[in-house]
Amino acid sequence: MQLTELVSAIKKAKKLEMKTIVCANSIEEARSIALLKPDILLCEPTELIGTGKTSDEDYILKNQSSD
């Protein structure tokens, strides 16, 4: 999904009083998406989404400490 589509989707969901959950592939992408104020923001590599696998510890620590 392109960022412009995501902006529209989040706005529409908020208008309909729906909660939003958005996945980001990287810290940089998460920072951009955070500006849109989704209700929940998950940072996970695309290749792991829906697999039941977890990211390595280094990836998790980098995302937790991101400001």
Protein backbone atom coordinates (compact mmCIF):
# COMPACT_ATOMS: atom_id res chain seq x y z
CA MET A 1 0.00 0.00 0.00
CA GLN A 2 1.33 3.43 -0.89
CA LEU A 3 1.56 6.09 1.83
CA THR A 4 -1.19 8.19 0.21
CA GLU A 5 -3.52 5.17 0.29
CA LEU A 6 -2.64 4.56 3.92
CA VAL A 7 -3.44 8.18 4.80
CA SER A 8 -6.87 7.83 3.19
CA ALA A 9 -7.55 4.48 4.85
CA ILE A 10 -6.66 5.76 8.32
CA LYS A 11 -8.78 8.90 7.86
CA LYS A 12 -11.76 6.85 6.70
CA ALA A 13 -11.39 4.37 9.57
CA LYS A 14 -11.26 7.19 12.11
CA LYS A 15 -14.34 8.79 10.53
CA LEU A 16 -16.15 5.46 10.90
CA GLU A 17 -14.86 5.17 14.50
CA MET A 18 -12.86 2.04 13.64
CA LYS A 19 -9.54 1.17 15.28
CA THR A 20 -6.49 1.08 13.02
CA ILE A 21 -3.61 -1.40 13.12
CA VAL A 22 -0.75 -0.62 10.74
CA CYS A 23 2.38 -2.67 10.05
CA ALA A 24 5.71 -1.08 9.19
CA ASN A 25 8.66 -2.87 7.63
CA SER A 26 11.42 -0.67 9.08
CA ILE A 27 12.14 1.93 11.73
CA GLU A 28 12.09 4.68 9.09
CA GLU A 29 8.72 3.52 7.78
CA ALA A 30 7.36 3.26 11.34
CA ARG A 31 8.39 6.85 12.05
CA SER A 32 6.51 8.06 8.97
CA ILE A 33 3.44 6.00 9.79
CA ALA A 34 3.48 7.14 13.44
CA LEU A 35 2.76 10.68 12.22
CA LEU A 36 -0.59 9.38 10.94
CA LYS A 37 -1.47 8.32 14.51
CA PRO A 38 -2.81 4.81 13.95
CA ASP A 39 -4.22 3.17 17.07
CA ILE A 40 -1.62 0.39 16.90
CA LEU A 41 1.66 0.40 15.00
CA LEU A 42 3.56 -2.86 14.53
CA CYS A 43 7.09 -2.89 13.23
CA GLU A 44 7.85 -6.25 11.64
CA PRO A 45 9.72 -7.31 8.51
CA THR A 46 7.24 -8.00 5.70
CA GLU A 47 8.56 -11.51 5.17
CA LEU A 48 7.61 -12.48 8.75
CA ILE A 49 4.04 -11.14 8.84
CA GLY A 50 1.60 -13.99 9.34
CA THR A 51 4.28 -16.69 9.62
CA GLY A 52 4.29 -17.12 13.39
CA LYS A 53 8.04 -16.46 13.34
CA THR A 54 9.65 -13.66 15.32
CA SER A 55 12.30 -11.13 14.40
CA ASP A 56 15.80 -11.59 15.72
CA GLU A 57 16.66 -9.90 19.01
CA ASP A 58 18.74 -7.15 17.35
CA TYR A 59 15.78 -6.03 15.20
CA ILE A 60 13.47 -5.98 18.23
CA LEU A 61 15.90 -3.96 20.36
CA LYS A 62 16.46 -1.41 17.58
CA ASN A 63 12.70 -0.88 17.24
CA GLN A 64 12.04 -0.63 20.95
CA SER A 65 14.71 2.02 21.43
CA SER A 66 13.73 4.08 18.39
CA ASP A 67 12.76 7.67 19.24
